[in-house]
Amino acid sequence: MEAYEAQSRKKVKENANDKFARIEDIIEAKEHSMKSPKKKKRRTQQNSDAVKEAEEIIVCGLETIRRAEEE
C-alpha cells in the first residue's frame, strides 16, 4: 500500500529579502516600481512609409518570379 501513496512536492517560497543582497537594492527596486512607464515616441508615419516601400519591393519581386515561371 505504501507504493500507492501520492507523492506531493513542497512549495518553496522565497522571502523578499533573499532576492536582494542589500537594503539599498530593495529601496531602488521600490523606487523603480513606483515610477510610471515611459511613453514611447510615435514613429508610425516613418514605419508606415518603410512598410509601404518594403511591400512594393516584395510585390515587384513576386511579379518578376511569376513572369519567369510563365516563360
PDB file of N, CA and C in Angstrom:
ATOM      1  N   MET A   1       0.807  -1.195   0.000  1.00  0.00           N
ATOM      2  CA  MET A   1       0.000   0.000   0.000  1.00  0.00           C
ATOM      3  C   MET A   1       0.851   1.260   0.000  1.00  0.00           C
ATOM      4  N   GLU A   2       2.020   1.187   0.540  1.00  0.00           N
ATOM      5  CA  GLU A   2       2.872   2.364   0.611  1.00  0.00           C
ATOM      6  C   GLU A   2       3.288   2.841  -0.772  1.00  0.00           C
ATOM      7  N   ALA A   3       3.332   1.924  -1.732  1.00  0.00           N
ATOM      8  CA  ALA A   3       3.750   2.287  -3.080  1.00  0.00           C
ATOM      9  C   ALA A   3       2.705   3.155  -3.775  1.00  0.00           C
ATOM     10  N   TYR A   4       1.470   3.071  -3.344  1.00  0.00           N
ATOM     11  CA  TYR A   4       0.391   3.804  -3.988  1.00  0.00           C
ATOM     12  C   TYR A   4       0.138   5.180  -3.385  1.00  0.00           C
ATOM     13  N   GLU A   5       0.899   5.574  -2.407  1.00  0.00           N
ATOM     14  CA  GLU A   5       0.705   6.878  -1.787  1.00  0.00           C
ATOM     15  C   GLU A   5       1.073   7.996  -2.766  1.00  0.00           C
ATOM     16  N   ALA A   6       0.274   9.008  -2.783  1.00  0.00           N
ATOM     17  CA  ALA A   6       0.523  10.140  -3.683  1.00  0.00           C
ATOM     18  C   ALA A   6       1.753  10.907  -3.230  1.00  0.00           C
ATOM     19  N   GLN A   7       2.576  11.214  -4.202  1.00  0.00           N
ATOM     20  CA  GLN A   7       3.768  11.991  -3.887  1.00  0.00           C
ATOM     21  C   GLN A   7       3.441  13.466  -4.081  1.00  0.00           C
ATOM     22  N   SER A   8       3.732  14.246  -3.089  1.00  0.00           N
ATOM     23  CA  SER A   8       3.477  15.683  -3.193  1.00  0.00           C
ATOM     24  C   SER A   8       4.795  16.429  -3.098  1.00  0.00           C
ATOM     25  N   ARG A   9       4.845  17.523  -3.800  1.00  0.00           N
ATOM     26  CA  ARG A   9       6.044  18.357  -3.777  1.00  0.00           C
ATOM     27  C   ARG A   9       5.784  19.555  -2.892  1.00  0.00           C
ATOM     28  N   LYS A  10       6.732  19.863  -2.078  1.00  0.00           N
ATOM     29  CA  LYS A  10       6.587  21.018  -1.201  1.00  0.00           C
ATOM     30  C   LYS A  10       6.888  22.288  -1.990  1.00  0.00           C
ATOM     31  N   LYS A  11       6.079  23.284  -1.791  1.00  0.00           N
ATOM     32  CA  LYS A  11       6.312  24.566  -2.445  1.00  0.00           C
ATOM     33  C   LYS A  11       7.342  25.345  -1.640  1.00  0.00           C
ATOM     34  N   VAL A  12       8.336  25.802  -2.340  1.00  0.00           N
ATOM     35  CA  VAL A  12       9.382  26.579  -1.688  1.00  0.00           C
ATOM     36  C   VAL A  12       9.097  28.049  -1.948  1.00  0.00           C
ATOM     37  N   LYS A  13       8.953  28.805  -0.888  1.00  0.00           N
ATOM     38  CA  LYS A  13       8.689  30.237  -1.018  1.00  0.00           C
ATOM     39  C   LYS A  13       9.956  31.007  -0.695  1.00  0.00           C
ATOM     40  N   GLU A  14      10.251  31.962  -1.555  1.00  0.00           N
ATOM     41  CA  GLU A  14      11.414  32.815  -1.320  1.00  0.00           C
ATOM     42  C   GLU A  14      10.966  34.072  -0.590  1.00  0.00           C
ATOM     43  N   ASN A  15      11.695  34.438   0.394  1.00  0.00           N
ATOM     44  CA  ASN A  15      11.429  35.709   1.060  1.00  0.00           C
ATOM     45  C   ASN A  15      11.907  36.839   0.170  1.00  0.00           C
ATOM     46  N   ALA A  16      11.305  37.979   0.310  1.00  0.00           N
ATOM     47  CA  ALA A  16      11.707  39.137  -0.497  1.00  0.00           C
ATOM     48  C   ALA A  16      13.150  39.524  -0.199  1.00  0.00           C
ATOM     49  N   ASN A  17      13.593  39.314   1.024  1.00  0.00           N
ATOM     50  CA  ASN A  17      14.955  39.680   1.387  1.00  0.00           C
ATOM     51  C   ASN A  17      15.990  38.763   0.746  1.00  0.00           C
ATOM     52  N   ASP A  18      15.596  37.548   0.364  1.00  0.00           N
ATOM     53  CA  ASP A  18      16.532  36.634  -0.280  1.00  0.00           C
ATOM     54  C   ASP A  18      16.830  37.048  -1.716  1.00  0.00           C
ATOM     55  N   LYS A  19      15.940  37.812  -2.315  1.00  0.00           N
ATOM     56  CA  LYS A  19      16.123  38.222  -3.704  1.00  0.00           C
ATOM     57  C   LYS A  19      17.127  39.359  -3.840  1.00  0.00           C
ATOM     58  N   PHE A  20      17.257  40.166  -2.819  1.00  0.00           N
ATOM     59  CA  PHE A  20      18.133  41.327  -2.872  1.00  0.00           C
ATOM     60  C   PHE A  20      19.259  41.173  -1.850  1.00  0.00           C
ATOM     61  N   ALA A  21      20.442  41.565  -2.257  1.00  0.00           N
ATOM     62  CA  ALA A  21      21.596  41.411  -1.377  1.00  0.00           C
ATOM     63  C   ALA A  21      21.655  42.518  -0.326  1.00  0.00           C
ATOM     64  N   ARG A  22      21.232  43.720  -0.702  1.00  0.00           N
ATOM     65  CA  ARG A  22      21.365  44.852   0.217  1.00  0.00           C
ATOM     66  C   ARG A  22      20.041  45.587   0.350  1.00  0.00           C
ATOM     67  N   ILE A  23      19.919  46.346   1.407  1.00  0.00           N
ATOM     68  CA  ILE A  23      18.714  47.146   1.626  1.00  0.00           C
ATOM     69  C   ILE A  23      18.598  48.213   0.543  1.00  0.00           C
ATOM     70  N   GLU A  24      19.742  48.730   0.085  1.00  0.00           N
ATOM     71  CA  GLU A  24      19.719  49.740  -0.973  1.00  0.00           C
ATOM     72  C   GLU A  24      19.068  49.181  -2.235  1.00  0.00           C
ATOM     73  N   ASP A  25      19.323  47.898  -2.514  1.00  0.00           N
ATOM     74  CA  ASP A  25      18.715  47.273  -3.690  1.00  0.00           C
ATOM     75  C   ASP A  25      17.198  47.207  -3.548  1.00  0.00           C
ATOM     76  N   ILE A  26      16.733  46.922  -2.334  1.00  0.00           N
ATOM     77  CA  ILE A  26      15.293  46.863  -2.087  1.00  0.00           C
ATOM     78  C   ILE A  26      14.668  48.236  -2.294  1.00  0.00           C
ATOM     79  N   ILE A  27      15.310  49.270  -1.769  1.00  0.00           N
ATOM     80  CA  ILE A  27      14.793  50.636  -1.915  1.00  0.00           C
ATOM     81  C   ILE A  27      14.783  51.044  -3.380  1.00  0.00           C
ATOM     82  N   GLU A  28      15.851  50.710  -4.089  1.00  0.00           N
ATOM     83  CA  GLU A  28      15.930  51.057  -5.509  1.00  0.00           C
ATOM     84  C   GLU A  28      14.842  50.342  -6.304  1.00  0.00           C
ATOM     85  N   ALA A  29      14.590  49.079  -5.990  1.00  0.00           N
ATOM     86  CA  ALA A  29      13.543  48.331  -6.685  1.00  0.00           C
ATOM     87  C   ALA A  29      12.170  48.938  -6.413  1.00  0.00           C
ATOM     88  N   LYS A  30      11.934  49.384  -5.186  1.00  0.00           N
ATOM     89  CA  LYS A  30      10.662  50.032  -4.858  1.00  0.00           C
ATOM     90  C   LYS A  30      10.496  51.321  -5.650  1.00  0.00           C
ATOM     91  N   GLU A  31      11.573  52.114  -5.742  1.00  0.00           N
ATOM     92  CA  GLU A  31      11.500  53.377  -6.479  1.00  0.00           C
ATOM     93  C   GLU A  31      11.204  53.131  -7.951  1.00  0.00           C
ATOM     94  N   HIS A  32      11.848  52.121  -8.525  1.00  0.00           N
ATOM     95  CA  HIS A  32      11.622  51.824  -9.935  1.00  0.00           C
ATOM     96  C   HIS A  32      10.199  51.333 -10.178  1.00  0.00           C
ATOM     97  N   SER A  33       9.653  50.587  -9.229  1.00  0.00           N
ATOM     98  CA  SER A  33       8.295  50.084  -9.412  1.00  0.00           C
ATOM     99  C   SER A  33       7.268  51.199  -9.252  1.00  0.00           C
ATOM    100  N   MET A  34       7.615  52.262  -8.544  1.00  0.00           N
ATOM    101  CA  MET A  34       6.683  53.365  -8.335  1.00  0.00           C
ATOM    102  C   MET A  34       6.652  54.324  -9.522  1.00  0.00           C
ATOM    103  N   LYS A  35       7.711  54.350 -10.320  1.00  0.00           N
ATOM    104  CA  LYS A  35       7.762  55.263 -11.456  1.00  0.00           C
ATOM    105  C   LYS A  35       6.827  54.769 -12.555  1.00  0.00           C
ATOM    106  N   SER A  36       6.177  55.700 -13.221  1.00  0.00           N
ATOM    107  CA  SER A  36       5.309  55.321 -14.324  1.00  0.00           C
ATOM    108  C   SER A  36       6.171  54.965 -15.532  1.00  0.00           C
ATOM    109  N   PRO A  37       5.700  54.051 -16.351  1.00  0.00           N
ATOM    110  CA  PRO A  37       6.495  53.675 -17.522  1.00  0.00           C
ATOM    111  C   PRO A  37       6.613  54.833 -18.505  1.00  0.00           C
ATOM    112  N   LYS A  38       7.752  54.909 -19.157  1.00  0.00           N
ATOM    113  CA  LYS A  38       7.970  55.988 -20.119  1.00  0.00           C
ATOM    114  C   LYS A  38       7.143  55.727 -21.372  1.00  0.00           C
ATOM    115  N   LYS A  39       6.634  56.811 -21.921  1.00  0.00           N
ATOM    116  CA  LYS A  39       5.859  56.684 -23.146  1.00  0.00           C
ATOM    117  C   LYS A  39       6.814  56.572 -24.323  1.00  0.00           C
ATOM    118  N   LYS A  40       6.465  55.686 -25.233  1.00  0.00           N
ATOM    119  CA  LYS A  40       7.286  55.520 -26.426  1.00  0.00           C
ATOM    120  C   LYS A  40       6.935  56.602 -27.436  1.00  0.00           C
ATOM    121  N   LYS A  41       7.942  57.047 -28.151  1.00  0.00           N
ATOM    122  CA  LYS A  41       7.706  58.053 -29.176  1.00  0.00           C
ATOM    123  C   LYS A  41       6.975  57.403 -30.344  1.00  0.00           C
ATOM    124  N   ARG A  42       6.083  58.154 -30.912  1.00  0.00           N
ATOM    125  CA  ARG A  42       5.324  57.625 -32.033  1.00  0.00           C
ATOM    126  C   ARG A  42       6.149  57.748 -33.309  1.00  0.00           C
ATOM    127  N   ARG A  43       6.311  56.646 -33.960  1.00  0.00           N
ATOM    128  CA  ARG A  43       7.028  56.638 -35.235  1.00  0.00           C
ATOM    129  C   ARG A  43       6.190  55.935 -36.291  1.00  0.00           C
ATOM    130  N   THR A  44       4.908  56.052 -36.181  1.00  0.00           N
ATOM    131  CA  THR A  44       4.029  55.329 -37.090  1.00  0.00           C
ATOM    132  C   THR A  44       4.173  55.821 -38.523  1.00  0.00           C
ATOM    133  N   GLN A  45       4.377  57.107 -38.705  1.00  0.00           N
ATOM    134  CA  GLN A  45       4.490  57.645 -40.054  1.00  0.00           C
ATOM    135  C   GLN A  45       5.723  57.100 -40.749  1.00  0.00           C
ATOM    136  N   GLN A  46       6.862  57.102 -40.057  1.00  0.00           N
ATOM    137  CA  GLN A  46       8.091  56.590 -40.653  1.00  0.00           C
ATOM    138  C   GLN A  46       7.981  55.092 -40.899  1.00  0.00           C
ATOM    139  N   ASN A  47       7.413  54.375 -39.947  1.00  0.00           N
ATOM    140  CA  ASN A  47       7.278  52.937 -40.105  1.00  0.00           C
ATOM    141  C   ASN A  47       6.340  52.600 -41.249  1.00  0.00           C
ATOM    142  N   SER A  48       5.256  53.346 -41.385  1.00  0.00           N
ATOM    143  CA  SER A  48       4.314  53.047 -42.452  1.00  0.00           C
ATOM    144  C   SER A  48       4.954  53.301 -43.815  1.00  0.00           C
ATOM    145  N   ASP A  49       5.786  54.334 -43.935  1.00  0.00           N
ATOM    146  CA  ASP A  49       6.484  54.580 -45.194  1.00  0.00           C
ATOM    147  C   ASP A  49       7.452  53.445 -45.503  1.00  0.00           C
ATOM    148  N   ALA A  50       8.158  52.981 -44.500  1.00  0.00           N
ATOM    149  CA  ALA A  50       9.101  51.883 -44.704  1.00  0.00           C
ATOM    150  C   ALA A  50       8.362  50.604 -45.067  1.00  0.00           C
ATOM    151  N   VAL A  51       7.214  50.391 -44.454  1.00  0.00           N
ATOM    152  CA  VAL A  51       6.424  49.194 -44.755  1.00  0.00           C
ATOM    153  C   VAL A  51       5.908  49.253 -46.183  1.00  0.00           C
ATOM    154  N   LYS A  52       5.447  50.424 -46.609  1.00  0.00           N
ATOM    155  CA  LYS A  52       4.956  50.563 -47.983  1.00  0.00           C
ATOM    156  C   LYS A  52       6.066  50.285 -48.988  1.00  0.00           C
ATOM    157  N   GLU A  53       7.254  50.802 -48.726  1.00  0.00           N
ATOM    158  CA  GLU A  53       8.384  50.560 -49.625  1.00  0.00           C
ATOM    159  C   GLU A  53       8.725  49.077 -49.670  1.00  0.00           C
ATOM    160  N   ALA A  54       8.715  48.429 -48.518  1.00  0.00           N
ATOM    161  CA  ALA A  54       9.026  47.000 -48.469  1.00  0.00           C
ATOM    162  C   ALA A  54       7.973  46.196 -49.218  1.00  0.00           C
ATOM    163  N   GLU A  55       6.703  46.571 -49.079  1.00  0.00           N
ATOM    164  CA  GLU A  55       5.634  45.877 -49.797  1.00  0.00           C
ATOM    165  C   GLU A  55       5.807  46.023 -51.302  1.00  0.00           C
ATOM    166  N   GLU A  56       6.173  47.223 -51.749  1.00  0.00           N
ATOM    167  CA  GLU A  56       6.386  47.443 -53.181  1.00  0.00           C
ATOM    168  C   GLU A  56       7.521  46.569 -53.700  1.00  0.00           C
ATOM    169  N   ILE A  57       8.593  46.462 -52.927  1.00  0.00           N
ATOM    170  CA  ILE A  57       9.735  45.636 -53.336  1.00  0.00           C
ATOM    171  C   ILE A  57       9.321  44.173 -53.416  1.00  0.00           C
ATOM    172  N   ILE A  58       8.546  43.720 -52.440  1.00  0.00           N
ATOM    173  CA  ILE A  58       8.108  42.322 -52.420  1.00  0.00           C
ATOM    174  C   ILE A  58       7.183  42.035 -53.593  1.00  0.00           C
ATOM    175  N   VAL A  59       6.229  42.938 -53.854  1.00  0.00           N
ATOM    176  CA  VAL A  59       5.297  42.745 -54.966  1.00  0.00           C
ATOM    177  C   VAL A  59       6.055  42.715 -56.285  1.00  0.00           C
ATOM    178  N   CYS A  60       7.013  43.609 -56.432  1.00  0.00           N
ATOM    179  CA  CYS A  60       7.816  43.640 -57.660  1.00  0.00           C
ATOM    180  C   CYS A  60       8.580  42.331 -57.827  1.00  0.00           C
ATOM    181  N   GLY A  61       9.143  41.829 -56.739  1.00  0.00           N
ATOM    182  CA  GLY A  61       9.876  40.563 -56.792  1.00  0.00           C
ATOM    183  C   GLY A  61       8.969  39.398 -57.138  1.00  0.00           C
ATOM    184  N   LEU A  62       7.765  39.381 -56.577  1.00  0.00           N
ATOM    185  CA  LEU A  62       6.817  38.308 -56.885  1.00  0.00           C
ATOM    186  C   LEU A  62       6.382  38.352 -58.346  1.00  0.00           C
ATOM    187  N   GLU A  63       6.162  39.556 -58.866  1.00  0.00           N
ATOM    188  CA  GLU A  63       5.792  39.686 -60.276  1.00  0.00           C
ATOM    189  C   GLU A  63       6.912  39.184 -61.175  1.00  0.00           C
ATOM    190  N   THR A  64       8.147  39.478 -60.808  1.00  0.00           N
ATOM    191  CA  THR A  64       9.294  39.005 -61.589  1.00  0.00           C
ATOM    192  C   THR A  64       9.357  37.482 -61.574  1.00  0.00           C
ATOM    193  N   ILE A  65       9.108  36.888 -60.430  1.00  0.00           N
ATOM    194  CA  ILE A  65       9.132  35.421 -60.325  1.00  0.00           C
ATOM    195  C   ILE A  65       8.007  34.814 -61.154  1.00  0.00           C
ATOM    196  N   ARG A  66       6.805  35.393 -61.113  1.00  0.00           N
ATOM    197  CA  ARG A  66       5.673  34.875 -61.893  1.00  0.00           C
ATOM    198  C   ARG A  66       5.957  34.954 -63.388  1.00  0.00           C
ATOM    199  N   ARG A  67       6.555  36.062 -63.818  1.00  0.00           N
ATOM    200  CA  ARG A  67       6.898  36.202 -65.242  1.00  0.00           C
ATOM    201  C   ARG A  67       7.916  35.152 -65.651  1.00  0.00           C
ATOM    202  N   ALA A  68       8.892  34.907 -64.785  1.00  0.00           N
ATOM    203  CA  ALA A  68       9.926  33.919 -65.100  1.00  0.00           C
ATOM    204  C   ALA A  68       9.330  32.516 -65.160  1.00  0.00           C
ATOM    205  N   GLU A  69       8.356  32.222 -64.311  1.00  0.00           N
ATOM    206  CA  GLU A  69       7.724  30.900 -64.325  1.00  0.00           C
ATOM    207  C   GLU A  69       6.868  30.711 -65.566  1.00  0.00           C
ATOM    208  N   GLU A  70       6.225  31.782 -66.052  1.00  0.00           N
ATOM    209  CA  GLU A  70       5.372  31.690 -67.230  1.00  0.00           C
ATOM    210  C   GLU A  70       6.190  31.442 -68.493  1.00  0.00           C
ATOM    211  N   GLU A  71       7.395  31.943 -68.532  1.00  0.00           N
ATOM    212  CA  GLU A  71       8.222  31.817 -69.745  1.00  0.00           C
ATOM    213  C   GLU A  71       8.848  30.486 -69.867  1.00  0.00           C
TER     214      GLU A  71
END
